[in-house]
N, C-alpha and C. Protein backbone atom coordinates (compact mmCIF):
# COMPACT_ATOMS: atom_id res chain seq x y z
N MET A 1 0.84 -1.18 0.00
CA MET A 1 0.00 0.00 0.00
C MET A 1 0.88 1.24 0.00
N ALA A 2 0.43 2.23 -0.70
CA ALA A 2 1.18 3.49 -0.76
C ALA A 2 1.24 4.12 0.63
N ASP A 3 2.23 4.94 0.84
CA ASP A 3 2.38 5.61 2.12
C ASP A 3 1.67 6.96 2.13
N TYR A 4 0.57 7.06 1.41
CA TYR A 4 -0.13 8.34 1.36
C TYR A 4 -0.69 8.69 2.73
N VAL A 5 -0.80 9.96 2.94
CA VAL A 5 -1.43 10.44 4.16
C VAL A 5 -2.43 11.54 3.82
N LYS A 6 -2.84 11.60 2.55
CA LYS A 6 -3.81 12.60 2.12
C LYS A 6 -4.97 11.89 1.39
N PRO A 7 -5.91 11.37 2.16
CA PRO A 7 -7.04 10.68 1.54
C PRO A 7 -8.26 11.58 1.36
N VAL A 8 -9.10 11.17 0.43
CA VAL A 8 -10.45 11.72 0.32
C VAL A 8 -11.27 10.95 1.36
N ILE A 9 -11.87 11.67 2.31
CA ILE A 9 -12.63 11.04 3.39
C ILE A 9 -14.11 11.01 2.97
N PHE A 10 -14.72 9.84 3.11
CA PHE A 10 -16.13 9.70 2.77
C PHE A 10 -16.83 8.89 3.85
N ARG A 11 -18.15 8.98 3.84
CA ARG A 11 -18.98 8.28 4.83
C ARG A 11 -19.81 7.19 4.18
N LEU A 12 -19.94 6.11 4.94
CA LEU A 12 -20.93 5.06 4.68
C LEU A 12 -21.59 4.83 6.01
N GLY A 13 -22.83 5.24 6.15
CA GLY A 13 -23.47 5.19 7.46
C GLY A 13 -22.74 6.14 8.39
N GLU A 14 -22.42 5.66 9.58
CA GLU A 14 -21.72 6.49 10.57
C GLU A 14 -20.20 6.35 10.48
N GLN A 15 -19.70 5.41 9.68
CA GLN A 15 -18.26 5.16 9.60
C GLN A 15 -17.63 6.01 8.49
N GLU A 16 -16.40 6.46 8.76
CA GLU A 16 -15.64 7.22 7.77
C GLU A 16 -14.55 6.33 7.19
N TYR A 17 -14.32 6.50 5.90
CA TYR A 17 -13.29 5.77 5.17
C TYR A 17 -12.48 6.78 4.38
N GLY A 18 -11.31 6.37 3.96
CA GLY A 18 -10.47 7.24 3.15
C GLY A 18 -9.89 6.47 1.99
N VAL A 19 -9.73 7.17 0.87
CA VAL A 19 -9.11 6.57 -0.31
C VAL A 19 -8.06 7.57 -0.82
N ASP A 20 -6.92 7.06 -1.21
CA ASP A 20 -5.79 7.86 -1.67
C ASP A 20 -6.23 8.85 -2.75
N ILE A 21 -6.00 10.13 -2.50
CA ILE A 21 -6.41 11.16 -3.46
C ILE A 21 -5.73 10.97 -4.81
N ASN A 22 -4.57 10.35 -4.83
CA ASN A 22 -3.85 10.14 -6.09
C ASN A 22 -4.55 9.14 -7.00
N LEU A 23 -5.46 8.34 -6.45
CA LEU A 23 -6.20 7.37 -7.25
C LEU A 23 -7.60 7.86 -7.62
N VAL A 24 -7.95 9.06 -7.17
CA VAL A 24 -9.27 9.61 -7.43
C VAL A 24 -9.22 10.47 -8.69
N SER A 25 -10.08 10.13 -9.65
CA SER A 25 -10.17 10.91 -10.89
C SER A 25 -11.18 12.03 -10.77
N ALA A 26 -12.25 11.79 -10.01
CA ALA A 26 -13.30 12.80 -9.88
C ALA A 26 -14.17 12.48 -8.68
N ILE A 27 -14.77 13.53 -8.13
CA ILE A 27 -15.79 13.40 -7.10
C ILE A 27 -17.03 14.05 -7.70
N GLU A 28 -18.05 13.27 -7.92
CA GLU A 28 -19.24 13.74 -8.63
C GLU A 28 -20.46 13.72 -7.71
N LYS A 29 -21.39 14.63 -7.98
CA LYS A 29 -22.68 14.58 -7.31
C LYS A 29 -23.36 13.28 -7.75
N TYR A 30 -24.18 12.75 -6.87
CA TYR A 30 -24.90 11.52 -7.16
C TYR A 30 -25.80 11.77 -8.36
N GLU A 31 -25.81 10.85 -9.28
CA GLU A 31 -26.67 10.97 -10.45
C GLU A 31 -27.38 9.66 -10.70
N GLN A 32 -28.27 9.70 -11.62
CA GLN A 32 -29.05 8.50 -11.95
C GLN A 32 -28.13 7.38 -12.41
N ILE A 33 -28.28 6.24 -11.78
CA ILE A 33 -27.50 5.06 -12.13
C ILE A 33 -28.39 4.14 -12.96
N VAL A 34 -27.89 3.72 -14.09
CA VAL A 34 -28.65 2.82 -14.95
C VAL A 34 -28.36 1.39 -14.51
N PRO A 35 -29.39 0.69 -14.00
CA PRO A 35 -29.17 -0.69 -13.55
C PRO A 35 -28.79 -1.60 -14.72
N VAL A 36 -27.96 -2.59 -14.44
CA VAL A 36 -27.60 -3.59 -15.43
C VAL A 36 -28.08 -4.94 -14.89
N PRO A 37 -29.21 -5.44 -15.41
CA PRO A 37 -29.76 -6.70 -14.91
C PRO A 37 -28.76 -7.84 -15.03
N ASN A 38 -28.81 -8.74 -14.05
CA ASN A 38 -27.96 -9.94 -14.02
C ASN A 38 -26.47 -9.60 -14.06
N SER A 39 -26.11 -8.47 -13.48
CA SER A 39 -24.73 -8.02 -13.49
C SER A 39 -23.95 -8.59 -12.32
N VAL A 40 -22.74 -8.13 -12.19
CA VAL A 40 -21.83 -8.52 -11.11
C VAL A 40 -22.47 -8.13 -9.77
N ALA A 41 -22.25 -8.95 -8.75
CA ALA A 41 -22.93 -8.76 -7.46
C ALA A 41 -22.79 -7.36 -6.87
N PHE A 42 -21.60 -6.78 -6.90
CA PHE A 42 -21.39 -5.50 -6.24
C PHE A 42 -21.52 -4.30 -7.18
N ILE A 43 -21.87 -4.56 -8.43
CA ILE A 43 -22.05 -3.46 -9.38
C ILE A 43 -23.52 -3.06 -9.38
N LYS A 44 -23.77 -1.81 -8.99
CA LYS A 44 -25.14 -1.31 -8.90
C LYS A 44 -25.69 -0.97 -10.28
N GLY A 45 -24.81 -0.59 -11.18
CA GLY A 45 -25.21 -0.20 -12.52
C GLY A 45 -24.08 0.56 -13.18
N ILE A 46 -24.45 1.43 -14.12
CA ILE A 46 -23.45 2.22 -14.84
C ILE A 46 -23.89 3.68 -14.91
N ILE A 47 -22.91 4.55 -15.11
CA ILE A 47 -23.19 5.96 -15.36
C ILE A 47 -22.44 6.37 -16.62
N ASN A 48 -22.89 7.46 -17.21
CA ASN A 48 -22.20 8.06 -18.34
C ASN A 48 -21.54 9.33 -17.81
N LEU A 49 -20.23 9.29 -17.68
CA LEU A 49 -19.50 10.44 -17.16
C LEU A 49 -18.66 11.03 -18.27
N ARG A 50 -19.10 12.18 -18.76
CA ARG A 50 -18.41 12.88 -19.84
C ARG A 50 -18.10 11.95 -21.02
N GLY A 51 -19.11 11.16 -21.40
CA GLY A 51 -18.99 10.29 -22.56
C GLY A 51 -18.40 8.92 -22.28
N GLU A 52 -17.95 8.68 -21.06
CA GLU A 52 -17.37 7.38 -20.72
C GLU A 52 -18.35 6.60 -19.84
N VAL A 53 -18.56 5.33 -20.18
CA VAL A 53 -19.42 4.45 -19.39
C VAL A 53 -18.58 3.90 -18.25
N ILE A 54 -19.05 4.15 -17.02
CA ILE A 54 -18.30 3.74 -15.84
C ILE A 54 -19.20 2.91 -14.93
N PRO A 55 -18.74 1.72 -14.53
CA PRO A 55 -19.52 0.90 -13.60
C PRO A 55 -19.55 1.57 -12.21
N VAL A 56 -20.67 1.43 -11.52
CA VAL A 56 -20.83 1.97 -10.16
C VAL A 56 -20.75 0.82 -9.18
N TYR A 57 -19.79 0.91 -8.27
CA TYR A 57 -19.53 -0.13 -7.28
C TYR A 57 -20.28 0.19 -6.00
N ASP A 58 -21.06 -0.77 -5.53
CA ASP A 58 -21.90 -0.59 -4.35
C ASP A 58 -21.12 -1.02 -3.09
N LEU A 59 -20.49 -0.05 -2.42
CA LEU A 59 -19.71 -0.36 -1.23
C LEU A 59 -20.59 -0.86 -0.09
N ARG A 60 -21.83 -0.37 0.00
CA ARG A 60 -22.73 -0.83 1.06
C ARG A 60 -22.96 -2.34 0.94
N LYS A 61 -23.15 -2.81 -0.28
CA LYS A 61 -23.35 -4.24 -0.49
C LYS A 61 -22.07 -5.01 -0.17
N LYS A 62 -20.93 -4.48 -0.58
CA LYS A 62 -19.64 -5.11 -0.31
C LYS A 62 -19.41 -5.25 1.20
N PHE A 63 -19.84 -4.23 1.95
CA PHE A 63 -19.62 -4.21 3.39
C PHE A 63 -20.79 -4.79 4.18
N ASN A 64 -21.73 -5.43 3.48
CA ASN A 64 -22.92 -6.03 4.12
C ASN A 64 -23.70 -5.02 4.94
N MET A 65 -23.86 -3.83 4.41
CA MET A 65 -24.64 -2.78 5.06
C MET A 65 -26.01 -2.70 4.41
N PRO A 66 -27.01 -2.21 5.13
CA PRO A 66 -28.33 -2.04 4.51
C PRO A 66 -28.29 -0.99 3.41
N ASP A 67 -29.25 -1.06 2.50
CA ASP A 67 -29.35 -0.06 1.44
C ASP A 67 -29.53 1.33 2.04
N TYR A 68 -29.05 2.32 1.33
CA TYR A 68 -29.17 3.71 1.76
C TYR A 68 -30.63 4.13 1.73
N GLN A 69 -31.10 4.77 2.80
CA GLN A 69 -32.51 5.16 2.90
C GLN A 69 -32.73 6.66 2.84
N GLY A 70 -31.67 7.45 2.84
CA GLY A 70 -31.82 8.90 2.90
C GLY A 70 -32.01 9.56 1.55
N ASN A 71 -31.80 10.86 1.55
CA ASN A 71 -31.93 11.69 0.37
C ASN A 71 -30.64 11.61 -0.45
N ASN A 72 -30.77 11.34 -1.74
CA ASN A 72 -29.59 11.20 -2.59
C ASN A 72 -28.88 12.52 -2.88
N ASP A 73 -29.49 13.66 -2.51
CA ASP A 73 -28.88 14.95 -2.82
C ASP A 73 -27.51 15.13 -2.17
N ASN A 74 -27.27 14.48 -1.05
CA ASN A 74 -25.99 14.64 -0.34
C ASN A 74 -24.99 13.53 -0.67
N ARG A 75 -25.39 12.60 -1.50
CA ARG A 75 -24.52 11.46 -1.83
C ARG A 75 -23.55 11.84 -2.94
N ASN A 76 -22.51 11.03 -3.07
CA ASN A 76 -21.49 11.28 -4.10
C ASN A 76 -21.07 9.98 -4.76
N LEU A 77 -20.44 10.15 -5.90
CA LEU A 77 -19.76 9.07 -6.59
C LEU A 77 -18.29 9.48 -6.67
N ILE A 78 -17.42 8.62 -6.17
CA ILE A 78 -15.98 8.88 -6.24
C ILE A 78 -15.43 8.00 -7.35
N VAL A 79 -14.99 8.61 -8.43
CA VAL A 79 -14.46 7.87 -9.56
C VAL A 79 -12.98 7.60 -9.30
N VAL A 80 -12.65 6.30 -9.27
CA VAL A 80 -11.28 5.90 -8.93
C VAL A 80 -10.68 5.07 -10.05
N LYS A 81 -9.36 5.13 -10.14
CA LYS A 81 -8.61 4.36 -11.12
C LYS A 81 -8.10 3.09 -10.46
N LEU A 82 -8.67 1.97 -10.87
CA LEU A 82 -8.16 0.67 -10.43
C LEU A 82 -7.11 0.23 -11.44
N PRO A 83 -6.37 -0.84 -11.16
CA PRO A 83 -5.30 -1.21 -12.08
C PRO A 83 -5.70 -1.32 -13.55
N GLU A 84 -6.90 -1.83 -13.83
CA GLU A 84 -7.25 -2.05 -15.24
C GLU A 84 -8.55 -1.39 -15.67
N VAL A 85 -9.22 -0.71 -14.76
CA VAL A 85 -10.53 -0.13 -15.10
C VAL A 85 -10.85 1.00 -14.13
N MET A 86 -11.72 1.88 -14.55
CA MET A 86 -12.21 2.93 -13.65
C MET A 86 -13.58 2.51 -13.14
N VAL A 87 -13.85 2.78 -11.87
CA VAL A 87 -15.16 2.54 -11.30
C VAL A 87 -15.55 3.74 -10.45
N ALA A 88 -16.85 3.90 -10.28
CA ALA A 88 -17.37 4.95 -9.41
C ALA A 88 -17.83 4.28 -8.12
N LEU A 89 -17.29 4.74 -7.00
CA LEU A 89 -17.69 4.21 -5.70
C LEU A 89 -18.89 5.00 -5.21
N GLU A 90 -19.97 4.34 -4.93
CA GLU A 90 -21.17 4.99 -4.43
C GLU A 90 -21.02 5.17 -2.92
N VAL A 91 -21.02 6.44 -2.46
CA VAL A 91 -20.81 6.73 -1.03
C VAL A 91 -21.92 7.65 -0.53
N ASP A 92 -22.10 7.64 0.80
CA ASP A 92 -23.16 8.46 1.40
C ASP A 92 -22.82 9.94 1.37
N GLY A 93 -21.57 10.27 1.24
CA GLY A 93 -21.15 11.66 1.15
C GLY A 93 -19.65 11.78 1.32
N VAL A 94 -19.07 12.78 0.68
CA VAL A 94 -17.65 13.07 0.84
C VAL A 94 -17.53 14.16 1.88
N SER A 95 -16.69 13.93 2.89
CA SER A 95 -16.54 14.89 3.98
C SER A 95 -15.46 15.92 3.69
N GLU A 96 -14.29 15.43 3.27
CA GLU A 96 -13.15 16.33 3.12
C GLU A 96 -11.99 15.60 2.46
N ILE A 97 -10.99 16.38 2.10
CA ILE A 97 -9.69 15.86 1.73
C ILE A 97 -8.80 16.26 2.90
N HIS A 98 -8.14 15.28 3.50
CA HIS A 98 -7.48 15.54 4.78
C HIS A 98 -6.01 15.15 4.74
N ASP A 99 -5.18 15.95 5.37
CA ASP A 99 -3.77 15.61 5.56
C ASP A 99 -3.60 14.98 6.93
N PHE A 100 -3.08 13.78 6.98
CA PHE A 100 -2.79 13.12 8.25
C PHE A 100 -1.30 13.13 8.48
N SER A 101 -0.90 13.27 9.72
CA SER A 101 0.50 13.09 10.09
C SER A 101 0.79 11.59 10.01
N PRO A 102 1.95 11.21 9.52
CA PRO A 102 2.28 9.77 9.43
C PRO A 102 2.13 9.05 10.77
N GLN A 103 2.39 9.72 11.89
CA GLN A 103 2.27 9.06 13.19
C GLN A 103 0.82 8.77 13.57
N ASP A 104 -0.14 9.38 12.85
CA ASP A 104 -1.56 9.13 13.12
C ASP A 104 -2.09 7.90 12.38
N ILE A 105 -1.23 7.26 11.58
CA ILE A 105 -1.68 6.13 10.76
C ILE A 105 -1.05 4.85 11.30
N VAL A 106 -1.90 3.86 11.57
CA VAL A 106 -1.45 2.57 12.09
C VAL A 106 -1.98 1.45 11.22
N LYS A 107 -1.33 0.30 11.30
CA LYS A 107 -1.82 -0.88 10.57
C LYS A 107 -3.15 -1.34 11.17
N MET A 108 -4.00 -1.88 10.33
CA MET A 108 -5.25 -2.47 10.79
C MET A 108 -4.91 -3.64 11.70
N PRO A 109 -5.62 -3.79 12.83
CA PRO A 109 -5.34 -4.94 13.71
C PRO A 109 -5.45 -6.26 12.95
N THR A 110 -4.48 -7.11 13.15
CA THR A 110 -4.41 -8.39 12.43
C THR A 110 -5.66 -9.23 12.59
N ILE A 111 -6.30 -9.15 13.73
CA ILE A 111 -7.47 -9.99 13.99
C ILE A 111 -8.63 -9.72 13.03
N VAL A 112 -8.70 -8.52 12.45
CA VAL A 112 -9.80 -8.21 11.53
C VAL A 112 -9.41 -8.41 10.06
N MET A 113 -8.17 -8.80 9.83
CA MET A 113 -7.70 -8.97 8.45
C MET A 113 -8.01 -10.37 7.94
N ASN A 114 -8.53 -10.43 6.72
CA ASN A 114 -8.73 -11.70 6.02
C ASN A 114 -8.80 -11.40 4.53
N GLU A 115 -9.09 -12.39 3.73
CA GLU A 115 -9.11 -12.22 2.28
C GLU A 115 -10.12 -11.15 1.85
N ASN A 116 -11.23 -11.04 2.59
CA ASN A 116 -12.28 -10.08 2.23
C ASN A 116 -12.03 -8.67 2.75
N THR A 117 -11.01 -8.50 3.59
CA THR A 117 -10.75 -7.17 4.15
C THR A 117 -9.33 -6.69 3.86
N LYS A 118 -8.62 -7.35 2.94
CA LYS A 118 -7.23 -6.97 2.71
C LYS A 118 -7.08 -5.55 2.15
N PHE A 119 -8.15 -4.98 1.62
CA PHE A 119 -8.09 -3.60 1.12
C PHE A 119 -8.18 -2.59 2.27
N MET A 120 -8.47 -3.05 3.48
CA MET A 120 -8.53 -2.17 4.65
C MET A 120 -7.27 -2.40 5.48
N GLU A 121 -6.16 -1.91 4.99
CA GLU A 121 -4.88 -2.23 5.60
C GLU A 121 -4.48 -1.31 6.74
N ARG A 122 -4.96 -0.07 6.72
CA ARG A 122 -4.52 0.89 7.73
C ARG A 122 -5.69 1.69 8.29
N VAL A 123 -5.44 2.32 9.43
CA VAL A 123 -6.44 3.15 10.10
C VAL A 123 -5.78 4.46 10.50
N ALA A 124 -6.45 5.56 10.23
CA ALA A 124 -5.99 6.86 10.72
C ALA A 124 -6.68 7.10 12.06
N ASN A 125 -5.90 7.46 13.05
CA ASN A 125 -6.44 7.73 14.39
C ASN A 125 -5.99 9.13 14.77
N GLU A 126 -6.91 10.07 14.59
CA GLU A 126 -6.60 11.46 14.90
C GLU A 126 -7.49 11.91 16.05
N ASN A 127 -6.92 11.99 17.23
CA ASN A 127 -7.66 12.40 18.43
C ASN A 127 -8.90 11.55 18.65
N GLY A 128 -8.79 10.25 18.43
CA GLY A 128 -9.91 9.34 18.67
C GLY A 128 -10.84 9.18 17.48
N ARG A 129 -10.69 9.96 16.46
CA ARG A 129 -11.48 9.83 15.23
C ARG A 129 -10.81 8.76 14.37
N LEU A 130 -11.49 7.64 14.18
CA LEU A 130 -10.93 6.52 13.42
C LEU A 130 -11.47 6.53 11.99
N ILE A 131 -10.55 6.51 11.04
CA ILE A 131 -10.90 6.48 9.63
C ILE A 131 -10.18 5.31 8.99
N VAL A 132 -10.95 4.39 8.42
CA VAL A 132 -10.38 3.22 7.76
C VAL A 132 -9.85 3.67 6.40
N LEU A 133 -8.54 3.46 6.19
CA LEU A 133 -7.91 3.84 4.93
C LEU A 133 -7.91 2.63 4.00
N MET A 134 -8.52 2.80 2.85
CA MET A 134 -8.69 1.70 1.91
C MET A 134 -7.63 1.76 0.82
N ASP A 135 -7.08 0.61 0.51
CA ASP A 135 -6.22 0.48 -0.67
C ASP A 135 -7.11 -0.10 -1.76
N ILE A 136 -7.64 0.78 -2.60
CA ILE A 136 -8.64 0.33 -3.58
C ILE A 136 -8.07 -0.61 -4.63
N ASN A 137 -6.74 -0.71 -4.71
CA ASN A 137 -6.16 -1.68 -5.64
C ASN A 137 -6.55 -3.10 -5.25
N TYR A 138 -6.96 -3.30 -3.99
CA TYR A 138 -7.36 -4.63 -3.52
C TYR A 138 -8.84 -4.72 -3.23
N LEU A 139 -9.60 -3.69 -3.59
CA LEU A 139 -11.04 -3.66 -3.30
C LEU A 139 -11.78 -4.78 -4.02
N LEU A 140 -11.52 -4.95 -5.30
CA LEU A 140 -12.18 -5.98 -6.08
C LEU A 140 -11.37 -7.27 -6.05
N SER A 141 -12.06 -8.37 -5.89
CA SER A 141 -11.39 -9.67 -6.01
C SER A 141 -11.01 -9.86 -7.48
N GLU A 142 -10.18 -10.86 -7.75
CA GLU A 142 -9.80 -11.13 -9.14
C GLU A 142 -11.02 -11.39 -9.99
N LYS A 143 -11.95 -12.17 -9.46
CA LYS A 143 -13.18 -12.49 -10.20
C LYS A 143 -14.00 -11.23 -10.46
N GLU A 144 -14.14 -10.38 -9.43
CA GLU A 144 -14.89 -9.13 -9.61
C GLU A 144 -14.22 -8.24 -10.66
N MET A 145 -12.89 -8.18 -10.63
CA MET A 145 -12.17 -7.36 -11.61
C MET A 145 -12.42 -7.86 -13.02
N GLU A 146 -12.36 -9.17 -13.21
CA GLU A 146 -12.62 -9.75 -14.53
C GLU A 146 -14.06 -9.46 -14.96
N ASP A 147 -15.01 -9.61 -14.03
CA ASP A 147 -16.41 -9.35 -14.35
C ASP A 147 -16.64 -7.89 -14.72
N VAL A 148 -16.00 -6.97 -13.99
CA VAL A 148 -16.16 -5.54 -14.28
C VAL A 148 -15.55 -5.21 -15.64
N LYS A 149 -14.38 -5.77 -15.94
CA LYS A 149 -13.76 -5.51 -17.24
C LYS A 149 -14.66 -6.03 -18.36
N LYS A 150 -15.23 -7.22 -18.15
CA LYS A 150 -16.12 -7.79 -19.18
C LYS A 150 -17.37 -6.93 -19.34
N LEU A 151 -17.95 -6.50 -18.23
CA LEU A 151 -19.12 -5.62 -18.28
C LEU A 151 -18.80 -4.36 -19.08
N LYS A 152 -17.68 -3.76 -18.80
CA LYS A 152 -17.28 -2.53 -19.49
C LYS A 152 -17.08 -2.79 -20.98
N GLU A 153 -16.42 -3.88 -21.32
CA GLU A 153 -16.22 -4.24 -22.73
C GLU A 153 -17.55 -4.46 -23.43
N ASP A 154 -18.48 -5.17 -22.76
CA ASP A 154 -19.79 -5.44 -23.34
C ASP A 154 -20.56 -4.14 -23.60
N MET A 155 -20.40 -3.17 -22.70
CA MET A 155 -21.11 -1.88 -22.84
C MET A 155 -20.54 -1.05 -23.99
N GLU A 156 -19.30 -1.28 -24.33
CA GLU A 156 -18.65 -0.48 -25.39
C GLU A 156 -18.85 -1.07 -26.77
N GLU A 157 -19.38 -2.29 -26.84
CA GLU A 157 -19.58 -2.93 -28.14
C GLU A 157 -20.75 -2.32 -28.88
């Protein structure tokens, strides 16, 4: 994982997460997502962003959280560059872009690490405020990455 200390902080429910600003292409207001029937489990649908079709990744589903029940006006899509494809992360809202001191960042406790959480490698702890720092390069499993690439290719045909 990169040694970044400047993540884009976003919310899912009451929890805050961060993603390396260097991997973020855009932060967009929530827009209509076009569902893709029988698609990949964590893909909510697709959006057209400045002429490019981008899959929307449902982090709530990935994290086994209930569907969002609030007003979509405050929600965002964070467009990120994964190794082979771009995806939009559907989030409840973007809070800030924050600079953390390196001493405020610690490794995720080993007890919570497994194959399904390897993208949550570190935690920022600033005065008791805990923010899970995600390495989005590991967010999608190999199968999910292949499925997303295929979905994107199918949409471009």
